[in-house]
Amino acid sequence: MYLEINRAEKELELSIRNEDLLRIMRLQRSLVYFSTSIRGNEAMLGRLRTTSRASSVDPDLFEDVSIELRQAYNTINIYTDIVTSMMHASANIISNNVNTIMKRMTSISIVLTVPTMISGFFGMNVDIYLGEWYWAFLAIFAVSVAISGLAFYFFRKIKWF
């Protein structure tokens, strides 16, 4: 169990895949089954101590079994906490990755929207003051590229790109 938890933890550090998350969920389920069975064994040990045949068995043997069961239960609790924290960490990493992707997509859409808006304004069928100028198209194009470049620079500066 310890080796499998360590292997899953190392794979999570490298990259998070669905298979890794499913393996961690299976580990968590196995730990729940182990914990439940140990609790059942503790109950059985308690009943064995109270039976009439228990007087013929060495009491130290019962004590040894009880100690082993408690240690096993504590170990399972530790592993359960580790696996739970791994699940929380992977959920946080996935959420952070989604946020990073969404920021990047938003900044790309803003950079690409600026030229579209400007060309939309100047593409209307109304008279504009630049309509007769020979260099109007290039001037509007240059302004669009400049504003997009500024938006790109701004997003690059705040590390969204």
C-alpha atoms as a PDB file:
ATOM      1  CA  MET A   1       0.000   0.000   0.000  1.00  0.00           C
ATOM      2  CA  TYR A   2       2.801   2.405   0.943  1.00  0.00           C
ATOM      3  CA  LEU A   3       4.653   1.822  -2.329  1.00  0.00           C
ATOM      4  CA  GLU A   4       1.533   2.316  -4.406  1.00  0.00           C
ATOM      5  CA  ILE A   5       0.715   5.586  -2.620  1.00  0.00           C
ATOM      6  CA  ASN A   6       4.266   6.835  -3.200  1.00  0.00           C
ATOM      7  CA  ARG A   7       4.111   5.851  -6.881  1.00  0.00           C
ATOM      8  CA  ALA A   8       0.782   7.653  -7.317  1.00  0.00           C
ATOM      9  CA  GLU A   9       2.153  10.732  -5.550  1.00  0.00           C
ATOM     10  CA  LYS A  10       5.214  10.861  -7.834  1.00  0.00           C
ATOM     11  CA  GLU A  11       3.069  10.492 -10.945  1.00  0.00           C
ATOM     12  CA  LEU A  12       0.845  13.325  -9.731  1.00  0.00           C
ATOM     13  CA  GLU A  13       3.896  15.548  -9.358  1.00  0.00           C
ATOM     14  CA  LEU A  14       4.816  14.961 -13.002  1.00  0.00           C
ATOM     15  CA  SER A  15       1.377  15.345 -14.543  1.00  0.00           C
ATOM     16  CA  ILE A  16      -2.219  14.786 -13.607  1.00  0.00           C
ATOM     17  CA  ARG A  17      -4.059  12.277 -15.745  1.00  0.00           C
ATOM     18  CA  ASN A  18      -7.474  10.741 -15.266  1.00  0.00           C
ATOM     19  CA  GLU A  19      -5.871   7.334 -14.708  1.00  0.00           C
ATOM     20  CA  ASP A  20      -3.876   8.726 -11.778  1.00  0.00           C
ATOM     21  CA  LEU A  21      -6.971  10.216 -10.185  1.00  0.00           C
ATOM     22  CA  LEU A  22      -8.883   6.975 -10.649  1.00  0.00           C
ATOM     23  CA  ARG A  23      -6.032   5.022  -9.053  1.00  0.00           C
ATOM     24  CA  ILE A  24      -6.059   7.363  -6.055  1.00  0.00           C
ATOM     25  CA  MET A  25      -9.814   6.908  -5.735  1.00  0.00           C
ATOM     26  CA  ARG A  26      -9.351   3.120  -5.777  1.00  0.00           C
ATOM     27  CA  LEU A  27      -6.666   3.446  -3.089  1.00  0.00           C
ATOM     28  CA  GLN A  28      -9.000   5.547  -0.990  1.00  0.00           C
ATOM     29  CA  ARG A  29     -11.764   2.964  -1.353  1.00  0.00           C
ATOM     30  CA  SER A  30      -9.355   0.147  -0.407  1.00  0.00           C
ATOM     31  CA  LEU A  31      -8.304   2.055   2.687  1.00  0.00           C
ATOM     32  CA  VAL A  32     -11.951   2.417   3.703  1.00  0.00           C
ATOM     33  CA  TYR A  33     -12.405  -1.350   3.323  1.00  0.00           C
ATOM     34  CA  PHE A  34      -9.253  -2.020   5.372  1.00  0.00           C
ATOM     35  CA  SER A  35     -10.398   0.368   8.079  1.00  0.00           C
ATOM     36  CA  THR A  36     -13.828  -1.241   8.248  1.00  0.00           C
ATOM     37  CA  SER A  37     -12.387  -4.749   8.430  1.00  0.00           C
ATOM     38  CA  ILE A  38      -9.974  -3.772  11.207  1.00  0.00           C
ATOM     39  CA  ARG A  39     -12.855  -2.268  13.184  1.00  0.00           C
ATOM     40  CA  GLY A  40     -14.714  -5.546  12.709  1.00  0.00           C
ATOM     41  CA  ASN A  41     -11.664  -7.485  13.901  1.00  0.00           C
ATOM     42  CA  GLU A  42     -11.460  -5.282  17.001  1.00  0.00           C
ATOM     43  CA  ALA A  43     -15.112  -6.019  17.758  1.00  0.00           C
ATOM     44  CA  MET A  44     -14.485  -9.730  17.261  1.00  0.00           C
ATOM     45  CA  LEU A  45     -11.474  -9.586  19.589  1.00  0.00           C
ATOM     46  CA  GLY A  46     -13.633  -7.933  22.239  1.00  0.00           C
ATOM     47  CA  ARG A  47     -16.204 -10.702  21.950  1.00  0.00           C
ATOM     48  CA  LEU A  48     -13.510 -13.396  22.099  1.00  0.00           C
ATOM     49  CA  ARG A  49     -12.203 -11.957  25.357  1.00  0.00           C
ATOM     50  CA  THR A  50     -15.610 -12.317  26.983  1.00  0.00           C
ATOM     51  CA  THR A  51     -16.246 -15.935  25.944  1.00  0.00           C
ATOM     52  CA  SER A  52     -15.755 -18.849  28.322  1.00  0.00           C
ATOM     53  CA  ARG A  53     -12.918 -20.271  26.216  1.00  0.00           C
ATOM     54  CA  ALA A  54     -10.935 -17.060  26.525  1.00  0.00           C
ATOM     55  CA  SER A  55      -9.768 -18.014  30.023  1.00  0.00           C
ATOM     56  CA  SER A  56      -7.668 -20.829  28.534  1.00  0.00           C
ATOM     57  CA  VAL A  57      -5.842 -18.427  26.171  1.00  0.00           C
ATOM     58  CA  ASP A  58      -2.885 -16.354  27.341  1.00  0.00           C
ATOM     59  CA  PRO A  59      -4.111 -12.773  28.078  1.00  0.00           C
ATOM     60  CA  ASP A  60      -0.849 -11.393  26.663  1.00  0.00           C
ATOM     61  CA  LEU A  61      -1.816 -12.869  23.313  1.00  0.00           C
ATOM     62  CA  PHE A  62      -5.068 -10.891  23.346  1.00  0.00           C
ATOM     63  CA  GLU A  63      -3.130  -7.769  24.281  1.00  0.00           C
ATOM     64  CA  ASP A  64      -0.636  -8.319  21.438  1.00  0.00           C
ATOM     65  CA  VAL A  65      -3.435  -8.750  18.909  1.00  0.00           C
ATOM     66  CA  SER A  66      -5.180  -5.655  20.249  1.00  0.00           C
ATOM     67  CA  ILE A  67      -1.977  -3.594  19.926  1.00  0.00           C
ATOM     68  CA  GLU A  68      -1.415  -4.855  16.369  1.00  0.00           C
ATOM     69  CA  LEU A  69      -4.974  -3.969  15.399  1.00  0.00           C
ATOM     70  CA  ARG A  70      -4.619  -0.436  16.830  1.00  0.00           C
ATOM     71  CA  GLN A  71      -1.324   0.067  15.009  1.00  0.00           C
ATOM     72  CA  ALA A  72      -2.842  -1.160  11.755  1.00  0.00           C
ATOM     73  CA  TYR A  73      -5.824   1.148  12.224  1.00  0.00           C
ATOM     74  CA  ASN A  74      -3.560   4.140  12.948  1.00  0.00           C
ATOM     75  CA  THR A  75      -1.437   3.340   9.891  1.00  0.00           C
ATOM     76  CA  ILE A  76      -4.543   3.149   7.724  1.00  0.00           C
ATOM     77  CA  ASN A  77      -5.704   6.504   9.103  1.00  0.00           C
ATOM     78  CA  ILE A  78      -2.345   8.043   8.200  1.00  0.00           C
ATOM     79  CA  TYR A  79      -2.519   6.635   4.669  1.00  0.00           C
ATOM     80  CA  THR A  80      -6.121   7.809   4.345  1.00  0.00           C
ATOM     81  CA  ASP A  81      -5.045  11.331   5.296  1.00  0.00           C
ATOM     82  CA  ILE A  82      -2.195  11.195   2.757  1.00  0.00           C
ATOM     83  CA  VAL A  83      -4.472   9.993  -0.039  1.00  0.00           C
ATOM     84  CA  THR A  84      -7.106  12.596   0.858  1.00  0.00           C
ATOM     85  CA  SER A  85      -4.519  15.370   0.793  1.00  0.00           C
ATOM     86  CA  MET A  86      -3.290  14.065  -2.588  1.00  0.00           C
ATOM     87  CA  MET A  87      -6.840  14.279  -3.942  1.00  0.00           C
ATOM     88  CA  HIS A  88      -7.214  17.829  -2.627  1.00  0.00           C
ATOM     89  CA  ALA A  89      -3.840  18.837  -4.055  1.00  0.00           C
ATOM     90  CA  SER A  90      -4.675  17.380  -7.453  1.00  0.00           C
ATOM     91  CA  ALA A  91      -8.036  19.179  -7.454  1.00  0.00           C
ATOM     92  CA  ASN A  92      -6.258  22.439  -6.648  1.00  0.00           C
ATOM     93  CA  ILE A  93      -3.693  21.851  -9.402  1.00  0.00           C
ATOM     94  CA  ILE A  94      -6.422  21.112 -11.937  1.00  0.00           C
ATOM     95  CA  SER A  95      -8.328  24.225 -10.885  1.00  0.00           C
ATOM     96  CA  ASN A  96      -5.184  26.321 -11.179  1.00  0.00           C
ATOM     97  CA  ASN A  97      -4.480  24.919 -14.657  1.00  0.00           C
ATOM     98  CA  VAL A  98      -8.024  25.717 -15.769  1.00  0.00           C
ATOM     99  CA  ASN A  99      -7.692  29.265 -14.425  1.00  0.00           C
ATOM    100  CA  THR A 100      -4.403  29.745 -16.284  1.00  0.00           C
ATOM    101  CA  ILE A 101      -5.905  28.472 -19.527  1.00  0.00           C
ATOM    102  CA  MET A 102      -8.969  30.685 -19.123  1.00  0.00           C
ATOM    103  CA  LYS A 103      -6.810  33.762 -18.513  1.00  0.00           C
ATOM    104  CA  ARG A 104      -4.774  32.992 -21.614  1.00  0.00           C
ATOM    105  CA  MET A 105      -7.897  32.418 -23.728  1.00  0.00           C
ATOM    106  CA  THR A 106      -9.450  35.646 -22.461  1.00  0.00           C
ATOM    107  CA  SER A 107      -6.366  37.663 -23.298  1.00  0.00           C
ATOM    108  CA  ILE A 108      -6.192  36.114 -26.786  1.00  0.00           C
ATOM    109  CA  SER A 109      -9.841  36.928 -27.428  1.00  0.00           C
ATOM    110  CA  ILE A 110      -9.337  40.534 -26.274  1.00  0.00           C
ATOM    111  CA  VAL A 111      -6.286  40.981 -28.501  1.00  0.00           C
ATOM    112  CA  LEU A 112      -8.202  39.582 -31.490  1.00  0.00           C
ATOM    113  CA  THR A 113     -11.406  41.513 -30.740  1.00  0.00           C
ATOM    114  CA  VAL A 114      -9.818  44.972 -31.033  1.00  0.00           C
ATOM    115  CA  PRO A 115      -9.154  44.830 -34.812  1.00  0.00           C
ATOM    116  CA  THR A 116     -12.571  43.290 -35.375  1.00  0.00           C
ATOM    117  CA  MET A 117     -14.284  46.136 -33.533  1.00  0.00           C
ATOM    118  CA  ILE A 118     -12.319  48.828 -35.344  1.00  0.00           C
ATOM    119  CA  SER A 119     -12.949  47.301 -38.765  1.00  0.00           C
ATOM    120  CA  GLY A 120     -16.612  46.955 -37.825  1.00  0.00           C
ATOM    121  CA  PHE A 121     -16.859  50.663 -37.016  1.00  0.00           C
ATOM    122  CA  PHE A 122     -15.194  51.714 -40.250  1.00  0.00           C
ATOM    123  CA  GLY A 123     -17.022  49.117 -42.319  1.00  0.00           C
ATOM    124  CA  MET A 124     -20.450  50.700 -41.791  1.00  0.00           C
ATOM    125  CA  ASN A 125     -22.220  52.215 -44.777  1.00  0.00           C
ATOM    126  CA  VAL A 126     -22.001  55.792 -43.531  1.00  0.00           C
ATOM    127  CA  ASP A 127     -19.850  58.703 -44.575  1.00  0.00           C
ATOM    128  CA  ILE A 128     -16.699  59.017 -42.508  1.00  0.00           C
ATOM    129  CA  TYR A 129     -14.009  61.651 -42.567  1.00  0.00           C
ATOM    130  CA  LEU A 130     -11.382  59.149 -43.774  1.00  0.00           C
ATOM    131  CA  GLY A 131     -13.454  57.921 -46.712  1.00  0.00           C
ATOM    132  CA  GLU A 132     -11.673  59.968 -49.370  1.00  0.00           C
ATOM    133  CA  TRP A 133      -8.141  59.618 -48.014  1.00  0.00           C
ATOM    134  CA  TYR A 134      -5.904  57.293 -50.053  1.00  0.00           C
ATOM    135  CA  TRP A 135      -4.086  55.840 -47.025  1.00  0.00           C
ATOM    136  CA  ALA A 136      -7.223  55.339 -44.881  1.00  0.00           C
ATOM    137  CA  PHE A 137      -7.166  51.550 -45.001  1.00  0.00           C
ATOM    138  CA  LEU A 138      -3.503  51.362 -44.018  1.00  0.00           C
ATOM    139  CA  ALA A 139      -3.977  53.950 -41.251  1.00  0.00           C
ATOM    140  CA  ILE A 140      -6.945  52.077 -39.769  1.00  0.00           C
ATOM    141  CA  PHE A 141      -5.063  48.797 -40.092  1.00  0.00           C
ATOM    142  CA  ALA A 142      -1.988  50.303 -38.391  1.00  0.00           C
ATOM    143  CA  VAL A 143      -4.095  51.696 -35.525  1.00  0.00           C
ATOM    144  CA  SER A 144      -5.763  48.283 -35.076  1.00  0.00           C
ATOM    145  CA  VAL A 145      -2.424  46.491 -35.012  1.00  0.00           C
ATOM    146  CA  ALA A 146      -0.984  49.084 -32.606  1.00  0.00           C
ATOM    147  CA  ILE A 147      -3.885  48.747 -30.159  1.00  0.00           C
ATOM    148  CA  SER A 148      -3.704  44.945 -30.386  1.00  0.00           C
ATOM    149  CA  GLY A 149       0.053  45.160 -29.819  1.00  0.00           C
ATOM    150  CA  LEU A 150      -0.497  47.320 -26.727  1.00  0.00           C
ATOM    151  CA  ALA A 151      -3.073  44.849 -25.408  1.00  0.00           C
ATOM    152  CA  PHE A 152      -0.647  41.995 -26.083  1.00  0.00           C
ATOM    153  CA  TYR A 153       2.153  43.885 -24.293  1.00  0.00           C
ATOM    154  CA  PHE A 154      -0.128  44.592 -21.320  1.00  0.00           C
ATOM    155  CA  PHE A 155      -1.203  40.955 -21.010  1.00  0.00           C
ATOM    156  CA  ARG A 156       2.378  39.807 -21.436  1.00  0.00           C
ATOM    157  CA  LYS A 157       3.456  42.188 -18.671  1.00  0.00           C
ATOM    158  CA  ILE A 158       0.882  40.814 -16.222  1.00  0.00           C
ATOM    159  CA  LYS A 159       1.835  37.280 -17.353  1.00  0.00           C
ATOM    160  CA  TRP A 160      -1.479  36.304 -18.889  1.00  0.00           C
ATOM    161  CA  PHE A 161       0.281  35.374 -22.122  1.00  0.00           C
END
